[in-house]
Amino acid sequence: MNDKKMLLMKIKKYDFALKELNLYLDTHPNCRRALTLFKQYKQLREKAMNEFISKFGPISPEDSNDSSHWNWIDDPWPWERS
């Protein structure tokens, strides 16, 4: 598996964990362990996202941070990827 796919897989795993913790915290808002885990996974996701964006460009338009060029359109569109 190449670096790009590995980073995307990490991001997806972190997204899943965050969503599950979100649902749990909706019914257990004072669970310190879940709150700590949510914070940890949020930081891991942010780190993975930043690494992905710096290496491969934005995943979504909101991730585009180049003020001189709209770099969202630089990569192939989803239907152009193999």
PDB file of N, CA and C in Angstrom:
ATOM      1  N   MET A   1       0.857  -1.180   0.000  1.00  0.00           N
ATOM      2  CA  MET A   1       0.000   0.000   0.000  1.00  0.00           C
ATOM      3  C   MET A   1       0.898   1.237   0.000  1.00  0.00           C
ATOM      4  N   ASN A   2       0.604   2.180  -0.876  1.00  0.00           N
ATOM      5  CA  ASN A   2       1.437   3.379  -0.949  1.00  0.00           C
ATOM      6  C   ASN A   2       1.103   4.358   0.181  1.00  0.00           C
ATOM      7  N   ASP A   3       1.960   5.356   0.324  1.00  0.00           N
ATOM      8  CA  ASP A   3       1.853   6.321   1.424  1.00  0.00           C
ATOM      9  C   ASP A   3       0.514   7.064   1.410  1.00  0.00           C
ATOM     10  N   LYS A   4       0.054   7.411   0.218  1.00  0.00           N
ATOM     11  CA  LYS A   4      -1.205   8.153   0.098  1.00  0.00           C
ATOM     12  C   LYS A   4      -2.377   7.316   0.611  1.00  0.00           C
ATOM     13  N   LYS A   5      -2.434   6.055   0.192  1.00  0.00           N
ATOM     14  CA  LYS A   5      -3.520   5.175   0.637  1.00  0.00           C
ATOM     15  C   LYS A   5      -3.439   4.901   2.134  1.00  0.00           C
ATOM     16  N   MET A   6      -2.214   4.761   2.658  1.00  0.00           N
ATOM     17  CA  MET A   6      -2.053   4.517   4.096  1.00  0.00           C
ATOM     18  C   MET A   6      -2.546   5.707   4.911  1.00  0.00           C
ATOM     19  N   LEU A   7      -2.216   6.919   4.472  1.00  0.00           N
ATOM     20  CA  LEU A   7      -2.679   8.108   5.181  1.00  0.00           C
ATOM     21  C   LEU A   7      -4.200   8.239   5.112  1.00  0.00           C
ATOM     22  N   LEU A   8      -4.777   7.974   3.945  1.00  0.00           N
ATOM     23  CA  LEU A   8      -6.238   8.022   3.820  1.00  0.00           C
ATOM     24  C   LEU A   8      -6.901   6.992   4.727  1.00  0.00           C
ATOM     25  N   MET A   9      -6.309   5.806   4.833  1.00  0.00           N
ATOM     26  CA  MET A   9      -6.852   4.773   5.699  1.00  0.00           C
ATOM     27  C   MET A   9      -6.791   5.212   7.167  1.00  0.00           C
ATOM     28  N   LYS A  10      -5.686   5.838   7.553  1.00  0.00           N
ATOM     29  CA  LYS A  10      -5.571   6.358   8.921  1.00  0.00           C
ATOM     30  C   LYS A  10      -6.670   7.382   9.202  1.00  0.00           C
ATOM     31  N   ILE A  11      -6.847   8.302   8.269  1.00  0.00           N
ATOM     32  CA  ILE A  11      -7.854   9.350   8.438  1.00  0.00           C
ATOM     33  C   ILE A  11      -9.246   8.728   8.580  1.00  0.00           C
ATOM     34  N   LYS A  12      -9.541   7.728   7.752  1.00  0.00           N
ATOM     35  CA  LYS A  12     -10.840   7.055   7.830  1.00  0.00           C
ATOM     36  C   LYS A  12     -11.023   6.358   9.172  1.00  0.00           C
ATOM     37  N   LYS A  13      -9.969   5.727   9.672  1.00  0.00           N
ATOM     38  CA  LYS A  13     -10.045   5.057  10.981  1.00  0.00           C
ATOM     39  C   LYS A  13     -10.293   6.076  12.087  1.00  0.00           C
ATOM     40  N   TYR A  14      -9.591   7.190  12.026  1.00  0.00           N
ATOM     41  CA  TYR A  14      -9.791   8.229  13.038  1.00  0.00           C
ATOM     42  C   TYR A  14     -11.198   8.814  12.946  1.00  0.00           C
ATOM     43  N   ASP A  15     -11.694   9.012  11.723  1.00  0.00           N
ATOM     44  CA  ASP A  15     -13.069   9.501  11.538  1.00  0.00           C
ATOM     45  C   ASP A  15     -14.075   8.544  12.168  1.00  0.00           C
ATOM     46  N   PHE A  16     -13.873   7.251  11.939  1.00  0.00           N
ATOM     47  CA  PHE A  16     -14.774   6.245  12.503  1.00  0.00           C
ATOM     48  C   PHE A  16     -14.744   6.288  14.030  1.00  0.00           C
ATOM     49  N   ALA A  17     -13.543   6.313  14.600  1.00  0.00           N
ATOM     50  CA  ALA A  17     -13.411   6.352  16.056  1.00  0.00           C
ATOM     51  C   ALA A  17     -14.064   7.609  16.629  1.00  0.00           C
ATOM     52  N   LEU A  18     -13.852   8.736  15.969  1.00  0.00           N
ATOM     53  CA  LEU A  18     -14.448   9.992  16.448  1.00  0.00           C
ATOM     54  C   LEU A  18     -15.971   9.947  16.382  1.00  0.00           C
ATOM     55  N   LYS A  19     -16.512   9.367  15.318  1.00  0.00           N
ATOM     56  CA  LYS A  19     -17.970   9.274  15.185  1.00  0.00           C
ATOM     57  C   LYS A  19     -18.557   8.374  16.278  1.00  0.00           C
ATOM     58  N   GLU A  20     -17.908   7.245  16.521  1.00  0.00           N
ATOM     59  CA  GLU A  20     -18.379   6.330  17.567  1.00  0.00           C
ATOM     60  C   GLU A  20     -18.285   6.975  18.945  1.00  0.00           C
ATOM     61  N   LEU A  21     -17.179   7.654  19.211  1.00  0.00           N
ATOM     62  CA  LEU A  21     -17.033   8.346  20.493  1.00  0.00           C
ATOM     63  C   LEU A  21     -18.054   9.470  20.616  1.00  0.00           C
ATOM     64  N   ASN A  22     -18.332  10.147  19.520  1.00  0.00           N
ATOM     65  CA  ASN A  22     -19.351  11.198  19.499  1.00  0.00           C
ATOM     66  C   ASN A  22     -20.706  10.627  19.923  1.00  0.00           C
ATOM     67  N   LEU A  23     -21.073   9.503  19.336  1.00  0.00           N
ATOM     68  CA  LEU A  23     -22.349   8.873  19.681  1.00  0.00           C
ATOM     69  C   LEU A  23     -22.376   8.439  21.144  1.00  0.00           C
ATOM     70  N   TYR A  24     -21.289   7.889  21.623  1.00  0.00           N
ATOM     71  CA  TYR A  24     -21.212   7.470  23.030  1.00  0.00           C
ATOM     72  C   TYR A  24     -21.314   8.673  23.958  1.00  0.00           C
ATOM     73  N   LEU A  25     -20.591   9.737  23.613  1.00  0.00           N
ATOM     74  CA  LEU A  25     -20.601  10.938  24.465  1.00  0.00           C
ATOM     75  C   LEU A  25     -21.959  11.634  24.465  1.00  0.00           C
ATOM     76  N   ASP A  26     -22.752  11.430  23.420  1.00  0.00           N
ATOM     77  CA  ASP A  26     -24.103  11.989  23.411  1.00  0.00           C
ATOM     78  C   ASP A  26     -24.945  11.431  24.555  1.00  0.00           C
ATOM     79  N   THR A  27     -24.663  10.198  24.951  1.00  0.00           N
ATOM     80  CA  THR A  27     -25.430   9.574  26.039  1.00  0.00           C
ATOM     81  C   THR A  27     -24.643   9.484  27.341  1.00  0.00           C
ATOM     82  N   HIS A  28     -23.338   9.741  27.287  1.00  0.00           N
ATOM     83  CA  HIS A  28     -22.476   9.703  28.474  1.00  0.00           C
ATOM     84  C   HIS A  28     -21.569  10.941  28.475  1.00  0.00           C
ATOM     85  N   PRO A  29     -22.144  12.121  28.586  1.00  0.00           N
ATOM     86  CA  PRO A  29     -21.360  13.352  28.396  1.00  0.00           C
ATOM     87  C   PRO A  29     -20.291  13.615  29.461  1.00  0.00           C
ATOM     88  N   ASN A  30     -20.335  12.907  30.572  1.00  0.00           N
ATOM     89  CA  ASN A  30     -19.364  13.156  31.636  1.00  0.00           C
ATOM     90  C   ASN A  30     -18.308  12.061  31.746  1.00  0.00           C
ATOM     91  N   CYS A  31     -18.246  11.170  30.778  1.00  0.00           N
ATOM     92  CA  CYS A  31     -17.277  10.073  30.803  1.00  0.00           C
ATOM     93  C   CYS A  31     -15.892  10.627  30.457  1.00  0.00           C
ATOM     94  N   ARG A  32     -15.050  10.709  31.461  1.00  0.00           N
ATOM     95  CA  ARG A  32     -13.720  11.298  31.262  1.00  0.00           C
ATOM     96  C   ARG A  32     -12.867  10.486  30.296  1.00  0.00           C
ATOM     97  N   ARG A  33     -12.974   9.171  30.364  1.00  0.00           N
ATOM     98  CA  ARG A  33     -12.179   8.321  29.473  1.00  0.00           C
ATOM     99  C   ARG A  33     -12.564   8.573  28.007  1.00  0.00           C
ATOM    100  N   ALA A  34     -13.849   8.635  27.737  1.00  0.00           N
ATOM    101  CA  ALA A  34     -14.301   8.884  26.365  1.00  0.00           C
ATOM    102  C   ALA A  34     -13.900  10.284  25.902  1.00  0.00           C
ATOM    103  N   LEU A  35     -13.988  11.249  26.792  1.00  0.00           N
ATOM    104  CA  LEU A  35     -13.572  12.610  26.442  1.00  0.00           C
ATOM    105  C   LEU A  35     -12.086  12.665  26.108  1.00  0.00           C
ATOM    106  N   THR A  36     -11.288  11.939  26.893  1.00  0.00           N
ATOM    107  CA  THR A  36      -9.847  11.883  26.642  1.00  0.00           C
ATOM    108  C   THR A  36      -9.559  11.208  25.311  1.00  0.00           C
ATOM    109  N   LEU A  37     -10.232  10.084  25.061  1.00  0.00           N
ATOM    110  CA  LEU A  37     -10.057   9.383  23.783  1.00  0.00           C
ATOM    111  C   LEU A  37     -10.475  10.257  22.609  1.00  0.00           C
ATOM    112  N   PHE A  38     -11.581  10.983  22.756  1.00  0.00           N
ATOM    113  CA  PHE A  38     -12.041  11.860  21.685  1.00  0.00           C
ATOM    114  C   PHE A  38     -10.974  12.902  21.373  1.00  0.00           C
ATOM    115  N   LYS A  39     -10.413  13.488  22.402  1.00  0.00           N
ATOM    116  CA  LYS A  39      -9.380  14.502  22.211  1.00  0.00           C
ATOM    117  C   LYS A  39      -8.148  13.898  21.523  1.00  0.00           C
ATOM    118  N   GLN A  40      -7.746  12.690  21.949  1.00  0.00           N
ATOM    119  CA  GLN A  40      -6.572  12.040  21.364  1.00  0.00           C
ATOM    120  C   GLN A  40      -6.794  11.723  19.883  1.00  0.00           C
ATOM    121  N   TYR A  41      -7.957  11.147  19.561  1.00  0.00           N
ATOM    122  CA  TYR A  41      -8.233  10.815  18.163  1.00  0.00           C
ATOM    123  C   TYR A  41      -8.393  12.071  17.313  1.00  0.00           C
ATOM    124  N   LYS A  42      -8.925  13.112  17.885  1.00  0.00           N
ATOM    125  CA  LYS A  42      -9.052  14.372  17.159  1.00  0.00           C
ATOM    126  C   LYS A  42      -7.663  14.910  16.791  1.00  0.00           C
ATOM    127  N   GLN A  43      -6.731  14.838  17.733  1.00  0.00           N
ATOM    128  CA  GLN A  43      -5.365  15.294  17.468  1.00  0.00           C
ATOM    129  C   GLN A  43      -4.668  14.408  16.440  1.00  0.00           C
ATOM    130  N   LEU A  44      -4.865  13.088  16.548  1.00  0.00           N
ATOM    131  CA  LEU A  44      -4.268  12.167  15.578  1.00  0.00           C
ATOM    132  C   LEU A  44      -4.816  12.422  14.178  1.00  0.00           C
ATOM    133  N   ARG A  45      -6.130  12.663  14.079  1.00  0.00           N
ATOM    134  CA  ARG A  45      -6.739  12.939  12.783  1.00  0.00           C
ATOM    135  C   ARG A  45      -6.193  14.236  12.199  1.00  0.00           C
ATOM    136  N   GLU A  46      -6.097  15.247  13.035  1.00  0.00           N
ATOM    137  CA  GLU A  46      -5.575  16.537  12.567  1.00  0.00           C
ATOM    138  C   GLU A  46      -4.137  16.396  12.061  1.00  0.00           C
ATOM    139  N   LYS A  47      -3.329  15.630  12.775  1.00  0.00           N
ATOM    140  CA  LYS A  47      -1.943  15.408  12.356  1.00  0.00           C
ATOM    141  C   LYS A  47      -1.901  14.664  11.017  1.00  0.00           C
ATOM    142  N   ALA A  48      -2.716  13.614  10.893  1.00  0.00           N
ATOM    143  CA  ALA A  48      -2.755  12.850   9.639  1.00  0.00           C
ATOM    144  C   ALA A  48      -3.273  13.713   8.485  1.00  0.00           C
ATOM    145  N   MET A  49      -4.290  14.520   8.750  1.00  0.00           N
ATOM    146  CA  MET A  49      -4.823  15.414   7.715  1.00  0.00           C
ATOM    147  C   MET A  49      -3.759  16.408   7.258  1.00  0.00           C
ATOM    148  N   ASN A  50      -3.073  17.019   8.205  1.00  0.00           N
ATOM    149  CA  ASN A  50      -2.031  17.988   7.858  1.00  0.00           C
ATOM    150  C   ASN A  50      -0.922  17.334   7.041  1.00  0.00           C
ATOM    151  N   GLU A  51      -0.547  16.107   7.419  1.00  0.00           N
ATOM    152  CA  GLU A  51       0.482  15.390   6.668  1.00  0.00           C
ATOM    153  C   GLU A  51      -0.007  15.081   5.254  1.00  0.00           C
ATOM    154  N   PHE A  52      -1.248  14.627   5.136  1.00  0.00           N
ATOM    155  CA  PHE A  52      -1.799  14.309   3.820  1.00  0.00           C
ATOM    156  C   PHE A  52      -1.843  15.556   2.942  1.00  0.00           C
ATOM    157  N   ILE A  53      -2.356  16.644   3.473  1.00  0.00           N
ATOM    158  CA  ILE A  53      -2.493  17.885   2.713  1.00  0.00           C
ATOM    159  C   ILE A  53      -1.128  18.413   2.270  1.00  0.00           C
ATOM    160  N   SER A  54      -0.149  18.329   3.152  1.00  0.00           N
ATOM    161  CA  SER A  54       1.184  18.825   2.779  1.00  0.00           C
ATOM    162  C   SER A  54       1.831  17.967   1.702  1.00  0.00           C
ATOM    163  N   LYS A  55       1.536  16.659   1.688  1.00  0.00           N
ATOM    164  CA  LYS A  55       2.142  15.767   0.701  1.00  0.00           C
ATOM    165  C   LYS A  55       1.345  15.663  -0.597  1.00  0.00           C
ATOM    166  N   PHE A  56       0.010  15.639  -0.482  1.00  0.00           N
ATOM    167  CA  PHE A  56      -0.816  15.303  -1.642  1.00  0.00           C
ATOM    168  C   PHE A  56      -1.858  16.350  -2.006  1.00  0.00           C
ATOM    169  N   GLY A  57      -1.973  17.402  -1.243  1.00  0.00           N
ATOM    170  CA  GLY A  57      -2.966  18.429  -1.527  1.00  0.00           C
ATOM    171  C   GLY A  57      -4.241  18.219  -0.727  1.00  0.00           C
ATOM    172  N   PRO A  58      -5.195  19.114  -0.904  1.00  0.00           N
ATOM    173  CA  PRO A  58      -6.414  19.082  -0.089  1.00  0.00           C
ATOM    174  C   PRO A  58      -7.308  17.883  -0.403  1.00  0.00           C
ATOM    175  N   ILE A  59      -7.991  17.407   0.629  1.00  0.00           N
ATOM    176  CA  ILE A  59      -8.963  16.325   0.485  1.00  0.00           C
ATOM    177  C   ILE A  59     -10.327  16.900   0.124  1.00  0.00           C
ATOM    178  N   SER A  60     -10.618  18.075   0.642  1.00  0.00           N
ATOM    179  CA  SER A  60     -11.876  18.756   0.348  1.00  0.00           C
ATOM    180  C   SER A  60     -11.580  20.233   0.093  1.00  0.00           C
ATOM    181  N   PRO A  61     -12.513  20.953  -0.497  1.00  0.00           N
ATOM    182  CA  PRO A  61     -12.267  22.372  -0.775  1.00  0.00           C
ATOM    183  C   PRO A  61     -11.905  23.175   0.477  1.00  0.00           C
ATOM    184  N   GLU A  62     -12.453  22.789   1.612  1.00  0.00           N
ATOM    185  CA  GLU A  62     -12.169  23.510   2.861  1.00  0.00           C
ATOM    186  C   GLU A  62     -10.710  23.371   3.286  1.00  0.00           C
ATOM    187  N   ASP A  63     -10.026  22.345   2.766  1.00  0.00           N
ATOM    188  CA  ASP A  63      -8.629  22.115   3.122  1.00  0.00           C
ATOM    189  C   ASP A  63      -7.669  22.938   2.279  1.00  0.00           C
ATOM    190  N   SER A  64      -8.176  23.613   1.268  1.00  0.00           N
ATOM    191  CA  SER A  64      -7.337  24.427   0.410  1.00  0.00           C
ATOM    192  C   SER A  64      -6.900  25.663   1.190  1.00  0.00           C
ATOM    193  N   ASN A  65      -5.590  25.828   1.347  1.00  0.00           N
ATOM    194  CA  ASN A  65      -5.101  26.944   2.156  1.00  0.00           C
ATOM    195  C   ASN A  65      -4.071  27.809   1.422  1.00  0.00           C
ATOM    196  N   ASP A  66      -3.992  27.654   0.132  1.00  0.00           N
ATOM    197  CA  ASP A  66      -3.079  28.459  -0.666  1.00  0.00           C
ATOM    198  C   ASP A  66      -3.794  29.758  -1.040  1.00  0.00           C
ATOM    199  N   SER A  67      -3.276  30.884  -0.599  1.00  0.00           N
ATOM    200  CA  SER A  67      -3.958  32.160  -0.843  1.00  0.00           C
ATOM    201  C   SER A  67      -3.697  32.722  -2.242  1.00  0.00           C
ATOM    202  N   SER A  68      -2.760  32.133  -2.984  1.00  0.00           N
ATOM    203  CA  SER A  68      -2.468  32.662  -4.314  1.00  0.00           C
ATOM    204  C   SER A  68      -2.974  31.763  -5.444  1.00  0.00           C
ATOM    205  N   HIS A  69      -3.422  30.562  -5.106  1.00  0.00           N
ATOM    206  CA  HIS A  69      -3.869  29.618  -6.140  1.00  0.00           C
ATOM    207  C   HIS A  69      -4.918  28.682  -5.538  1.00  0.00           C
ATOM    208  N   TRP A  70      -6.007  28.471  -6.231  1.00  0.00           N
ATOM    209  CA  TRP A  70      -7.067  27.560  -5.779  1.00  0.00           C
ATOM    210  C   TRP A  70      -6.612  26.140  -6.093  1.00  0.00           C
ATOM    211  N   ASN A  71      -5.845  25.533  -5.152  1.00  0.00           N
ATOM    212  CA  ASN A  71      -5.205  24.251  -5.414  1.00  0.00           C
ATOM    213  C   ASN A  71      -6.149  23.049  -5.308  1.00  0.00           C
ATOM    214  N   TRP A  72      -7.384  23.264  -4.975  1.00  0.00           N
ATOM    215  CA  TRP A  72      -8.355  22.177  -4.921  1.00  0.00           C
ATOM    216  C   TRP A  72      -8.499  21.490  -6.285  1.00  0.00           C
ATOM    217  N   ILE A  73      -8.324  22.236  -7.358  1.00  0.00           N
ATOM    218  CA  ILE A  73      -8.522  21.670  -8.697  1.00  0.00           C
ATOM    219  C   ILE A  73      -7.255  21.063  -9.300  1.00  0.00           C
ATOM    220  N   ASP A  74      -6.150  21.061  -8.583  1.00  0.00           N
ATOM    221  CA  ASP A  74      -4.883  20.577  -9.135  1.00  0.00           C
ATOM    222  C   ASP A  74      -4.824  19.059  -9.285  1.00  0.00           C
ATOM    223  N   ASP A  75      -5.441  18.338  -8.401  1.00  0.00           N
ATOM    224  CA  ASP A  75      -5.407  16.875  -8.465  1.00  0.00           C
ATOM    225  C   ASP A  75      -6.491  16.368  -9.396  1.00  0.00           C
ATOM    226  N   PRO A  76      -6.386  15.114  -9.803  1.00  0.00           N
ATOM    227  CA  PRO A  76      -7.453  14.568 -10.644  1.00  0.00           C
ATOM    228  C   PRO A  76      -8.782  14.547  -9.882  1.00  0.00           C
ATOM    229  N   TRP A  77      -9.857  14.714 -10.611  1.00  0.00           N
ATOM    230  CA  TRP A  77     -11.192  14.612 -10.011  1.00  0.00           C
ATOM    231  C   TRP A  77     -11.445  13.148  -9.647  1.00  0.00           C
ATOM    232  N   PRO A  78     -12.355  12.881  -8.734  1.00  0.00           N
ATOM    233  CA  PRO A  78     -12.589  11.488  -8.313  1.00  0.00           C
ATOM    234  C   PRO A  78     -12.841  10.535  -9.473  1.00  0.00           C
ATOM    235  N   TRP A  79     -13.545  10.958 -10.497  1.00  0.00           N
ATOM    236  CA  TRP A  79     -13.844  10.080 -11.629  1.00  0.00           C
ATOM    237  C   TRP A  79     -12.654   9.919 -12.576  1.00  0.00           C
ATOM    238  N   GLU A  80     -11.621  10.733 -12.387  1.00  0.00           N
ATOM    239  CA  GLU A  80     -10.420  10.625 -13.218  1.00  0.00           C
ATOM    240  C   GLU A  80      -9.353   9.705 -12.584  1.00  0.00           C
ATOM    241  N   ARG A  81      -9.568   9.357 -11.349  1.00  0.00           N
ATOM    242  CA  ARG A  81      -8.592   8.513 -10.642  1.00  0.00           C
ATOM    243  C   ARG A  81      -8.753   7.061 -11.057  1.00  0.00           C
ATOM    244  N   SER A  82      -7.633   6.353 -11.011  1.00  0.00           N
ATOM    245  CA  SER A  82      -7.698   4.929 -11.373  1.00  0.00           C
ATOM    246  C   SER A  82      -7.883   4.061 -10.153  1.00  0.00           C
TER     247      SER A  82
END
